[in-house]
C-alpha atoms as a PDB file:
ATOM      1  CA  MET A   1      -1.401 -22.237  31.983  1.00  0.00           C
ATOM      2  CA  ALA A   2       2.117 -22.975  33.286  1.00  0.00           C
ATOM      3  CA  ASN A   3       2.622 -22.258  36.894  1.00  0.00           C
ATOM      4  CA  ILE A   4       4.897 -19.151  37.489  1.00  0.00           C
ATOM      5  CA  ASN A   5       5.488 -16.651  40.228  1.00  0.00           C
ATOM      6  CA  LEU A   6       4.763 -13.150  38.796  1.00  0.00           C
ATOM      7  CA  PRO A   7       6.507 -10.265  40.538  1.00  0.00           C
ATOM      8  CA  THR A   8       4.871  -8.537  43.365  1.00  0.00           C
ATOM      9  CA  LEU A   9       4.855  -4.659  43.917  1.00  0.00           C
ATOM     10  CA  SER A  10       6.975  -3.591  46.597  1.00  0.00           C
ATOM     11  CA  TYR A  11       5.520  -0.048  46.580  1.00  0.00           C
ATOM     12  CA  GLU A  12       1.958   0.880  47.478  1.00  0.00           C
ATOM     13  CA  ASP A  13       0.532  -1.839  45.123  1.00  0.00           C
ATOM     14  CA  ASN A  14      -3.161  -1.046  46.475  1.00  0.00           C
ATOM     15  CA  LEU A  15      -2.885   1.940  44.198  1.00  0.00           C
ATOM     16  CA  GLY A  16      -2.720  -0.079  41.000  1.00  0.00           C
ATOM     17  CA  GLY A  17      -0.821   0.824  38.045  1.00  0.00           C
ATOM     18  CA  SER A  18      -0.458   4.266  36.347  1.00  0.00           C
ATOM     19  CA  VAL A  19      -2.037   5.563  33.365  1.00  0.00           C
ATOM     20  CA  LYS A  20       0.800   4.534  31.158  1.00  0.00           C
ATOM     21  CA  ASP A  21       0.796   1.087  32.433  1.00  0.00           C
ATOM     22  CA  TYR A  22      -2.916   0.643  31.566  1.00  0.00           C
ATOM     23  CA  PHE A  23      -2.312   2.471  28.060  1.00  0.00           C
ATOM     24  CA  MET A  24       0.433  -0.149  27.542  1.00  0.00           C
ATOM     25  CA  LEU A  25      -1.792  -2.980  28.687  1.00  0.00           C
ATOM     26  CA  MET A  26      -3.921  -2.004  25.493  1.00  0.00           C
ATOM     27  CA  LYS A  27      -1.026  -2.813  23.073  1.00  0.00           C
ATOM     28  CA  PRO A  28      -0.906   0.733  21.448  1.00  0.00           C
ATOM     29  CA  ARG A  29       1.210  -0.360  18.444  1.00  0.00           C
ATOM     30  CA  VAL A  30      -1.239  -3.148  17.624  1.00  0.00           C
ATOM     31  CA  MET A  31      -4.225  -0.669  18.442  1.00  0.00           C
ATOM     32  CA  SER A  32      -2.621   1.970  15.970  1.00  0.00           C
ATOM     33  CA  LEU A  33      -3.041  -0.514  13.155  1.00  0.00           C
ATOM     34  CA  VAL A  34      -6.967  -1.363  14.033  1.00  0.00           C
ATOM     35  CA  VAL A  35      -7.501   2.261  14.330  1.00  0.00           C
ATOM     36  CA  PHE A  36      -6.084   3.244  11.013  1.00  0.00           C
ATOM     37  CA  THR A  37      -7.429   0.479   9.177  1.00  0.00           C
ATOM     38  CA  ALA A  38     -11.005   1.327  10.674  1.00  0.00           C
ATOM     39  CA  ILE A  39     -10.786   4.999   9.625  1.00  0.00           C
ATOM     40  CA  SER A  40      -9.850   3.756   6.256  1.00  0.00           C
ATOM     41  CA  GLY A  41     -13.399   1.590   6.255  1.00  0.00           C
ATOM     42  CA  MET A  42     -15.312   4.565   7.555  1.00  0.00           C
ATOM     43  CA  LEU A  43     -13.846   7.040   4.941  1.00  0.00           C
ATOM     44  CA  LEU A  44     -14.462   4.676   2.077  1.00  0.00           C
ATOM     45  CA  ALA A  45     -18.026   3.862   2.791  1.00  0.00           C
ATOM     46  CA  PRO A  46     -20.696   5.610   0.713  1.00  0.00           C
ATOM     47  CA  GLY A  47     -22.708   8.041   2.498  1.00  0.00           C
ATOM     48  CA  ASN A  48     -22.226  10.721   5.141  1.00  0.00           C
ATOM     49  CA  ILE A  49     -21.773  10.255   8.984  1.00  0.00           C
ATOM     50  CA  HIS A  50     -21.621  13.264  11.355  1.00  0.00           C
ATOM     51  CA  PRO A  51     -18.162  13.967  12.629  1.00  0.00           C
ATOM     52  CA  LEU A  52     -19.092  13.367  16.265  1.00  0.00           C
ATOM     53  CA  ILE A  53     -20.640  10.115  15.485  1.00  0.00           C
ATOM     54  CA  ALA A  54     -17.311   9.321  13.410  1.00  0.00           C
ATOM     55  CA  PHE A  55     -15.281  10.194  16.516  1.00  0.00           C
ATOM     56  CA  VAL A  56     -17.411   8.049  18.784  1.00  0.00           C
ATOM     57  CA  SER A  57     -17.221   5.087  16.367  1.00  0.00           C
ATOM     58  CA  ILE A  58     -13.366   5.413  16.225  1.00  0.00           C
ATOM     59  CA  LEU A  59     -13.418   6.023  19.900  1.00  0.00           C
ATOM     60  CA  CYS A  60     -15.599   2.589  20.577  1.00  0.00           C
ATOM     61  CA  ILE A  61     -13.077   0.520  18.114  1.00  0.00           C
ATOM     62  CA  THR A  62     -10.166   2.033  19.971  1.00  0.00           C
ATOM     63  CA  ILE A  63     -11.355   1.094  23.399  1.00  0.00           C
ATOM     64  CA  GLY A  64     -12.767  -2.324  22.253  1.00  0.00           C
ATOM     65  CA  ALA A  65      -9.279  -3.335  20.788  1.00  0.00           C
ATOM     66  CA  GLY A  66      -7.631  -2.060  23.934  1.00  0.00           C
ATOM     67  CA  SER A  67     -10.016  -4.178  26.154  1.00  0.00           C
ATOM     68  CA  ALA A  68      -9.305  -7.315  24.036  1.00  0.00           C
ATOM     69  CA  ALA A  69      -5.510  -6.560  24.463  1.00  0.00           C
ATOM     70  CA  ALA A  70      -5.833  -6.096  28.018  1.00  0.00           C
ATOM     71  CA  ILE A  71      -7.741  -9.608  28.413  1.00  0.00           C
ATOM     72  CA  ASN A  72      -5.052 -11.259  26.148  1.00  0.00           C
ATOM     73  CA  MET A  73      -2.254  -9.918  28.383  1.00  0.00           C
ATOM     74  CA  TRP A  74      -4.194 -11.104  31.297  1.00  0.00           C
ATOM     75  CA  TYR A  75      -4.362 -14.772  30.014  1.00  0.00           C
ATOM     76  CA  ASP A  76      -0.980 -14.843  28.424  1.00  0.00           C
ATOM     77  CA  ARG A  77       0.888 -13.523  31.596  1.00  0.00           C
ATOM     78  CA  ASP A  78       2.536 -16.832  32.078  1.00  0.00           C
ATOM     79  CA  ILE A  79       4.096 -17.090  28.652  1.00  0.00           C
ATOM     80  CA  ASP A  80       4.789 -13.300  28.477  1.00  0.00           C
ATOM     81  CA  ALA A  81       7.067 -13.786  31.477  1.00  0.00           C
ATOM     82  CA  ILE A  82       9.156 -16.273  29.381  1.00  0.00           C
ATOM     83  CA  MET A  83       9.260 -14.477  26.151  1.00  0.00           C
ATOM     84  CA  LYS A  84      12.002 -12.032  25.746  1.00  0.00           C
ATOM     85  CA  ARG A  85      10.039  -9.360  23.779  1.00  0.00           C
ATOM     86  CA  THR A  86       7.037  -9.510  26.286  1.00  0.00           C
ATOM     87  CA  GLN A  87       8.784  -9.435  29.686  1.00  0.00           C
ATOM     88  CA  LYS A  88       8.279  -5.972  30.213  1.00  0.00           C
ATOM     89  CA  ARG A  89       4.542  -5.843  29.896  1.00  0.00           C
ATOM     90  CA  PRO A  90       2.483  -4.159  32.746  1.00  0.00           C
ATOM     91  CA  ILE A  91       1.200  -7.636  34.468  1.00  0.00           C
ATOM     92  CA  VAL A  92       4.676  -9.372  34.037  1.00  0.00           C
ATOM     93  CA  THR A  93       6.603  -6.531  35.693  1.00  0.00           C
ATOM     94  CA  GLY A  94       3.738  -6.283  38.344  1.00  0.00           C
ATOM     95  CA  ALA A  95       2.784  -2.514  37.660  1.00  0.00           C
ATOM     96  CA  VAL A  96      -0.914  -4.081  37.166  1.00  0.00           C
ATOM     97  CA  LYS A  97      -2.250  -6.814  38.896  1.00  0.00           C
ATOM     98  CA  ALA A  98      -3.630  -9.693  36.726  1.00  0.00           C
ATOM     99  CA  ASP A  99      -7.166  -9.286  38.354  1.00  0.00           C
ATOM    100  CA  GLU A 100      -7.211  -5.535  37.603  1.00  0.00           C
ATOM    101  CA  ALA A 101      -6.100  -6.089  34.190  1.00  0.00           C
ATOM    102  CA  LEU A 102      -8.986  -8.279  33.406  1.00  0.00           C
ATOM    103  CA  ALA A 103     -11.487  -6.193  35.133  1.00  0.00           C
ATOM    104  CA  PHE A 104     -10.121  -3.329  33.272  1.00  0.00           C
ATOM    105  CA  GLY A 105     -10.506  -5.439  29.825  1.00  0.00           C
ATOM    106  CA  ILE A 106     -14.000  -6.618  30.743  1.00  0.00           C
ATOM    107  CA  ILE A 107     -15.384  -3.241  31.800  1.00  0.00           C
ATOM    108  CA  THR A 108     -13.810  -0.990  28.835  1.00  0.00           C
ATOM    109  CA  GLY A 109     -14.909  -3.697  26.000  1.00  0.00           C
ATOM    110  CA  THR A 110     -18.470  -3.896  27.515  1.00  0.00           C
ATOM    111  CA  MET A 111     -18.614  -0.046  27.703  1.00  0.00           C
ATOM    112  CA  ALA A 112     -17.335   0.292  23.943  1.00  0.00           C
ATOM    113  CA  VAL A 113     -19.884  -2.111  22.689  1.00  0.00           C
ATOM    114  CA  ILE A 114     -22.665  -0.355  24.407  1.00  0.00           C
ATOM    115  CA  MET A 115     -21.714   3.128  23.434  1.00  0.00           C
ATOM    116  CA  MET A 116     -21.316   1.844  19.973  1.00  0.00           C
ATOM    117  CA  ALA A 117     -24.899   0.415  19.926  1.00  0.00           C
ATOM    118  CA  VAL A 118     -26.350   3.557  21.592  1.00  0.00           C
ATOM    119  CA  SER A 119     -24.496   6.438  19.574  1.00  0.00           C
ATOM    120  CA  VAL A 120     -23.699   4.780  15.954  1.00  0.00           C
ATOM    121  CA  ASN A 121     -25.786   1.612  15.151  1.00  0.00           C
ATOM    122  CA  ILE A 122     -26.539  -2.009  16.116  1.00  0.00           C
ATOM    123  CA  ILE A 123     -24.488  -3.508  13.173  1.00  0.00           C
ATOM    124  CA  SER A 124     -21.485  -1.956  14.137  1.00  0.00           C
ATOM    125  CA  ALA A 125     -21.865  -2.682  17.694  1.00  0.00           C
ATOM    126  CA  ALA A 126     -22.510  -6.348  16.924  1.00  0.00           C
ATOM    127  CA  LEU A 127     -19.531  -6.554  14.621  1.00  0.00           C
ATOM    128  CA  LEU A 128     -17.237  -4.830  17.549  1.00  0.00           C
ATOM    129  CA  ALA A 129     -18.696  -7.263  20.157  1.00  0.00           C
ATOM    130  CA  PHE A 130     -18.003 -10.316  17.670  1.00  0.00           C
ATOM    131  CA  THR A 131     -14.341  -8.938  17.070  1.00  0.00           C
ATOM    132  CA  ILE A 132     -13.559  -8.681  20.755  1.00  0.00           C
ATOM    133  CA  LEU A 133     -14.965 -12.119  21.792  1.00  0.00           C
ATOM    134  CA  TYR A 134     -13.314 -13.762  18.572  1.00  0.00           C
ATOM    135  CA  TYR A 135      -9.866 -12.546  19.652  1.00  0.00           C
ATOM    136  CA  ILE A 136     -10.406 -13.561  23.139  1.00  0.00           C
ATOM    137  CA  TYR A 137     -12.093 -16.925  22.742  1.00  0.00           C
ATOM    138  CA  ILE A 138     -11.114 -18.206  19.460  1.00  0.00           C
ATOM    139  CA  TYR A 139      -7.658 -16.918  19.254  1.00  0.00           C
ATOM    140  CA  THR A 140      -6.208 -16.273  22.756  1.00  0.00           C
ATOM    141  CA  ILE A 141      -7.887 -18.984  24.579  1.00  0.00           C
ATOM    142  CA  TRP A 142      -8.485 -21.660  22.072  1.00  0.00           C
ATOM    143  CA  LEU A 143      -6.058 -21.336  19.027  1.00  0.00           C
ATOM    144  CA  LYS A 144      -2.806 -19.591  20.018  1.00  0.00           C
ATOM    145  CA  ARG A 145      -1.763 -22.516  22.337  1.00  0.00           C
ATOM    146  CA  THR A 146      -3.130 -25.398  20.367  1.00  0.00           C
ATOM    147  CA  SER A 147      -2.843 -24.983  16.531  1.00  0.00           C
ATOM    148  CA  VAL A 148      -0.150 -24.207  14.125  1.00  0.00           C
ATOM    149  CA  GLN A 149      -3.056 -22.460  12.148  1.00  0.00           C
ATOM    150  CA  ASN A 150      -3.270 -20.028  15.227  1.00  0.00           C
ATOM    151  CA  VAL A 151      -2.548 -16.756  13.436  1.00  0.00           C
ATOM    152  CA  VAL A 152      -4.415 -17.771  10.072  1.00  0.00           C
ATOM    153  CA  ILE A 153      -8.097 -18.576  11.811  1.00  0.00           C
ATOM    154  CA  GLY A 154      -7.225 -15.979  14.542  1.00  0.00           C
ATOM    155  CA  GLY A 155      -6.700 -13.229  11.903  1.00  0.00           C
ATOM    156  CA  VAL A 156     -10.355 -12.794  11.417  1.00  0.00           C
ATOM    157  CA  SER A 157     -10.583 -10.577  14.532  1.00  0.00           C
ATOM    158  CA  GLY A 158      -7.581  -8.155  13.326  1.00  0.00           C
ATOM    159  CA  ALA A 159      -9.294  -8.137   9.835  1.00  0.00           C
ATOM    160  CA  LEU A 160     -12.599  -6.934  10.995  1.00  0.00           C
ATOM    161  CA  PRO A 161     -12.056  -3.320  11.943  1.00  0.00           C
ATOM    162  CA  PRO A 162     -12.361  -1.745   8.339  1.00  0.00           C
ATOM    163  CA  ILE A 163     -15.714  -3.499   8.054  1.00  0.00           C
ATOM    164  CA  ILE A 164     -16.728  -2.109  11.523  1.00  0.00           C
ATOM    165  CA  GLY A 165     -15.727   1.307  10.194  1.00  0.00           C
ATOM    166  CA  TRP A 166     -17.911   0.878   6.890  1.00  0.00           C
ATOM    167  CA  ALA A 167     -20.703  -0.360   8.986  1.00  0.00           C
ATOM    168  CA  SER A 168     -20.698   2.811  11.099  1.00  0.00           C
ATOM    169  CA  VAL A 169     -21.552   4.844   8.178  1.00  0.00           C
ATOM    170  CA  THR A 170     -23.812   2.394   5.983  1.00  0.00           C
ATOM    171  CA  GLY A 171     -25.257   0.361   8.747  1.00  0.00           C
ATOM    172  CA  ASN A 172     -24.555  -2.603   6.483  1.00  0.00           C
ATOM    173  CA  ILE A 173     -21.614  -5.023   5.086  1.00  0.00           C
ATOM    174  CA  SER A 174     -20.649  -4.994   1.392  1.00  0.00           C
ATOM    175  CA  TRP A 175     -18.131  -6.615  -1.041  1.00  0.00           C
ATOM    176  CA  GLN A 176     -16.166  -3.289  -1.048  1.00  0.00           C
ATOM    177  CA  ALA A 177     -15.899  -3.484   2.723  1.00  0.00           C
ATOM    178  CA  PHE A 178     -14.975  -7.274   2.572  1.00  0.00           C
ATOM    179  CA  SER A 179     -12.169  -6.567   0.145  1.00  0.00           C
ATOM    180  CA  LEU A 180     -10.484  -4.391   2.840  1.00  0.00           C
ATOM    181  CA  PHE A 181     -11.194  -7.209   5.158  1.00  0.00           C
ATOM    182  CA  ALA A 182      -9.507  -9.839   2.940  1.00  0.00           C
ATOM    183  CA  ILE A 183      -6.298  -7.745   2.504  1.00  0.00           C
ATOM    184  CA  ILE A 184      -5.619  -7.746   6.131  1.00  0.00           C
ATOM    185  CA  PHE A 185      -6.775 -11.481   6.674  1.00  0.00           C
ATOM    186  CA  ILE A 186      -4.161 -12.467   4.039  1.00  0.00           C
ATOM    187  CA  TRP A 187      -1.582 -10.049   5.414  1.00  0.00           C
ATOM    188  CA  THR A 188      -1.572 -11.344   8.877  1.00  0.00           C
ATOM    189  CA  PRO A 189       0.057 -14.840   8.366  1.00  0.00           C
ATOM    190  CA  PRO A 190       3.060 -13.696   6.593  1.00  0.00           C
ATOM    191  CA  HIS A 191       3.393 -10.748   9.213  1.00  0.00           C
ATOM    192  CA  SER A 192       3.291 -13.041  11.967  1.00  0.00           C
ATOM    193  CA  TRP A 193       5.310 -15.796  10.508  1.00  0.00           C
ATOM    194  CA  ALA A 194       8.080 -13.291   9.737  1.00  0.00           C
ATOM    195  CA  LEU A 195       8.200 -12.376  13.521  1.00  0.00           C
ATOM    196  CA  ALA A 196       7.870 -16.065  14.467  1.00  0.00           C
ATOM    197  CA  LEU A 197      11.026 -16.968  12.416  1.00  0.00           C
ATOM    198  CA  TYR A 198      13.459 -14.341  14.183  1.00  0.00           C
ATOM    199  CA  ARG A 199      11.893 -15.031  17.624  1.00  0.00           C
ATOM    200  CA  SER A 200      11.183 -18.796  17.248  1.00  0.00           C
ATOM    201  CA  ASP A 201      13.252 -19.480  20.449  1.00  0.00           C
ATOM    202  CA  ASP A 202      10.485 -17.560  22.251  1.00  0.00           C
ATOM    203  CA  TYR A 203       7.683 -19.430  21.039  1.00  0.00           C
ATOM    204  CA  LYS A 204       9.632 -22.842  21.421  1.00  0.00           C
ATOM    205  CA  ASN A 205      10.295 -21.960  25.036  1.00  0.00           C
ATOM    206  CA  CYS A 206       6.931 -21.257  26.110  1.00  0.00           C
ATOM    207  CA  ASN A 207       5.545 -24.177  23.920  1.00  0.00           C
ATOM    208  CA  VAL A 208       3.191 -22.037  21.582  1.00  0.00           C
ATOM    209  CA  PRO A 209       2.791 -23.768  18.333  1.00  0.00           C
ATOM    210  CA  MET A 210       3.953 -21.114  15.837  1.00  0.00           C
ATOM    211  CA  MET A 211       4.869 -22.343  12.249  1.00  0.00           C
ATOM    212  CA  PRO A 212       8.597 -22.438  12.502  1.00  0.00           C
ATOM    213  CA  VAL A 213       8.267 -24.366  15.861  1.00  0.00           C
ATOM    214  CA  ILE A 214       6.121 -27.127  14.608  1.00  0.00           C
ATOM    215  CA  LYS A 215       6.614 -27.206  10.710  1.00  0.00           C
ATOM    216  CA  GLY A 216      10.430 -26.006  10.576  1.00  0.00           C
ATOM    217  CA  VAL A 217      11.841 -22.916   8.953  1.00  0.00           C
ATOM    218  CA  LEU A 218      11.490 -24.034   5.203  1.00  0.00           C
ATOM    219  CA  TYR A 219       8.038 -24.701   5.467  1.00  0.00           C
ATOM    220  CA  THR A 220       7.343 -21.531   7.103  1.00  0.00           C
ATOM    221  CA  LYS A 221       9.125 -19.684   4.379  1.00  0.00           C
ATOM    222  CA  LYS A 222       7.131 -21.441   1.677  1.00  0.00           C
ATOM    223  CA  GLN A 223       4.023 -20.441   3.375  1.00  0.00           C
ATOM    224  CA  ILE A 224       4.896 -16.868   3.681  1.00  0.00           C
ATOM    225  CA  MET A 225       5.611 -16.982  -0.152  1.00  0.00           C
ATOM    226  CA  PHE A 226       2.212 -18.408  -0.856  1.00  0.00           C
ATOM    227  CA  TYR A 227       0.148 -15.885   1.173  1.00  0.00           C
ATOM    228  CA  SER A 228       2.397 -12.953   0.057  1.00  0.00           C
ATOM    229  CA  ILE A 229       1.671 -13.895  -3.695  1.00  0.00           C
ATOM    230  CA  LEU A 230      -2.145 -14.158  -2.824  1.00  0.00           C
ATOM    231  CA  MET A 231      -2.008 -10.936  -0.958  1.00  0.00           C
ATOM    232  CA  PHE A 232      -0.535  -9.162  -3.921  1.00  0.00           C
ATOM    233  CA  PHE A 233      -3.432 -10.173  -5.956  1.00  0.00           C
ATOM    234  CA  ILE A 234      -6.138  -9.520  -3.114  1.00  0.00           C
ATOM    235  CA  SER A 235      -4.660  -6.224  -2.752  1.00  0.00           C
ATOM    236  CA  LEU A 236      -5.835  -4.989  -6.178  1.00  0.00           C
ATOM    237  CA  TRP A 237      -9.560  -5.812  -5.425  1.00  0.00           C
ATOM    238  CA  PRO A 238     -10.305  -2.141  -4.125  1.00  0.00           C
ATOM    239  CA  TYR A 239      -9.435  -0.793  -7.519  1.00  0.00           C
ATOM    240  CA  PHE A 240     -11.493  -3.162  -9.441  1.00  0.00           C
ATOM    241  CA  LEU A 241     -14.294  -2.660  -6.945  1.00  0.00           C
ATOM    242  CA  ASN A 242     -14.131   0.951  -7.750  1.00  0.00           C
ATOM    243  CA  ILE A 243     -13.414   2.203  -4.155  1.00  0.00           C
ATOM    244  CA  SER A 244      -9.675   3.349  -5.019  1.00  0.00           C
ATOM    245  CA  SER A 245      -7.657   5.308  -7.595  1.00  0.00           C
ATOM    246  CA  HIS A 246      -5.126   4.412 -10.033  1.00  0.00           C
ATOM    247  CA  LEU A 247      -2.522   6.065  -7.647  1.00  0.00           C
ATOM    248  CA  TYR A 248      -3.752   3.073  -5.167  1.00  0.00           C
ATOM    249  CA  LEU A 249      -3.298   0.596  -8.031  1.00  0.00           C
ATOM    250  CA  ILE A 250       0.356   1.547  -8.590  1.00  0.00           C
ATOM    251  CA  THR A 251       1.043   1.756  -4.917  1.00  0.00           C
ATOM    252  CA  ALA A 252      -0.312  -1.718  -4.356  1.00  0.00           C
ATOM    253  CA  ILE A 253       1.636  -3.269  -7.189  1.00  0.00           C
ATOM    254  CA  ILE A 254       4.869  -1.680  -6.200  1.00  0.00           C
ATOM    255  CA  SER A 255       4.822  -2.115  -2.510  1.00  0.00           C
ATOM    256  CA  GLY A 256       3.459  -5.804  -3.140  1.00  0.00           C
ATOM    257  CA  LEU A 257       6.348  -6.538  -5.313  1.00  0.00           C
ATOM    258  CA  ILE A 258       8.816  -5.230  -2.615  1.00  0.00           C
ATOM    259  CA  PHE A 259       6.866  -7.500  -0.345  1.00  0.00           C
ATOM    260  CA  LEU A 260       7.300 -10.505  -2.636  1.00  0.00           C
ATOM    261  CA  TYR A 261      11.183  -9.510  -3.063  1.00  0.00           C
ATOM    262  CA  TYR A 262      11.538  -9.826   0.893  1.00  0.00           C
ATOM    263  CA  ALA A 263       9.570 -12.952   0.649  1.00  0.00           C
ATOM    264  CA  VAL A 264      11.877 -14.636  -2.025  1.00  0.00           C
ATOM    265  CA  ASN A 265      14.835 -13.550  -0.315  1.00  0.00           C
ATOM    266  CA  LEU A 266      13.857 -15.487   2.797  1.00  0.00           C
ATOM    267  CA  PHE A 267      15.107 -18.467   1.117  1.00  0.00           C
ATOM    268  CA  ALA A 268      18.547 -17.232   0.926  1.00  0.00           C
ATOM    269  CA  ASP A 269      18.656 -15.914   4.354  1.00  0.00           C
ATOM    270  CA  THR A 270      21.336 -17.333   6.643  1.00  0.00           C
ATOM    271  CA  GLU A 271      22.108 -14.662   9.045  1.00  0.00           C
ATOM    272  CA  GLN A 272      19.744 -15.597  11.933  1.00  0.00           C
ATOM    273  CA  ASN A 273      16.572 -14.623   9.940  1.00  0.00           C
ATOM    274  CA  HIS A 274      18.017 -11.054   9.114  1.00  0.00           C
ATOM    275  CA  VAL A 275      15.618 -10.940   6.054  1.00  0.00           C
ATOM    276  CA  ALA A 276      12.665 -12.219   8.417  1.00  0.00           C
ATOM    277  CA  LYS A 277      13.029  -9.424  10.649  1.00  0.00           C
ATOM    278  CA  LYS A 278      12.992  -6.842   7.617  1.00  0.00           C
ATOM    279  CA  LEU A 279      10.017  -8.189   6.063  1.00  0.00           C
ATOM    280  CA  PHE A 280       8.125  -7.888   9.534  1.00  0.00           C
ATOM    281  CA  TRP A 281       8.836  -4.311   9.867  1.00  0.00           C
ATOM    282  CA  TYR A 282       8.083  -3.829   6.084  1.00  0.00           C
ATOM    283  CA  SER A 283       4.836  -5.640   6.518  1.00  0.00           C
ATOM    284  CA  ILE A 284       3.768  -2.983   8.895  1.00  0.00           C
ATOM    285  CA  PHE A 285       4.682  -0.132   6.455  1.00  0.00           C
ATOM    286  CA  TYR A 286       3.011  -2.042   3.818  1.00  0.00           C
ATOM    287  CA  LEU A 287      -0.464  -2.041   5.393  1.00  0.00           C
ATOM    288  CA  PHE A 288      -0.151   1.537   6.449  1.00  0.00           C
ATOM    289  CA  SER A 289       0.894   2.528   2.828  1.00  0.00           C
ATOM    290  CA  LEU A 290      -2.030   0.745   1.301  1.00  0.00           C
ATOM    291  CA  SER A 291      -4.549   2.373   3.885  1.00  0.00           C
ATOM    292  CA  VAL A 292      -3.211   5.788   2.991  1.00  0.00           C
ATOM    293  CA  LYS A 293      -3.350   5.582  -0.719  1.00  0.00           C
ATOM    294  CA  ILE A 294      -6.714   3.931  -0.873  1.00  0.00           C
ATOM    295  CA  LEU A 295      -7.879   7.152   0.552  1.00  0.00           C
ATOM    296  CA  ASN A 296      -6.027   9.134  -2.089  1.00  0.00           C
ATOM    297  CA  PHE A 297      -3.939  10.756   0.395  1.00  0.00           C
END
């Protein structure tokens, strides 16, 4: 990592960060997507699960996701200090010490996996452990700084929560659960590259090989288009696998066409990637809307 002097606390730093600081260390916005998709997998799974066990399962997934995020912030603290959108993160500001963040991530992640194994089942615990380790070692430590395909291959970890939710109920993995995984896995690249388009200077300044920095803007837009088309068809799988209703099918088609509309408009976007920013925020709404409708809410 680049050598950089991080700010030090000037006020009773022996007390560590506040509860809010540690909560922010867990990337709550990202965590909310993880939790929501995990709940979708759990509610769609055949069979019954005791409400208390379901609560424990979601709690473990939440803590596990937060632990991985905390270790990610610990490892990326050098580039977080350079990128504008991450300069207020707890480690960068000095609200939480780097070693405390690492310890927090390791302890909470270990606790989450053990609790899942003891309270739910071994399969879901193993999947949770794999998800945490994959995000830390495969994405954060290996791919993020070395490969232009970082968000593609690294997207496995972000797509696993619905399978963990499914396994919490059934104790196994099925094609239905895999269809939920596939939607999020294919959704991740256009979502991340849309962000990279309008934040490309940030990634360039800290030498992170995101697609627009390495391959250029036009190539990135073509890749977003390709993955958006692929995602449109994959989003229909749950309907044909009989785990969703006609309402979900209609929602998937309409919201998918809107996604494609933004992807097409990227090619005419000359106003500092204004459309890319819209696509990024819409992509979050898109995933939430599919998760809601697949549950027939």
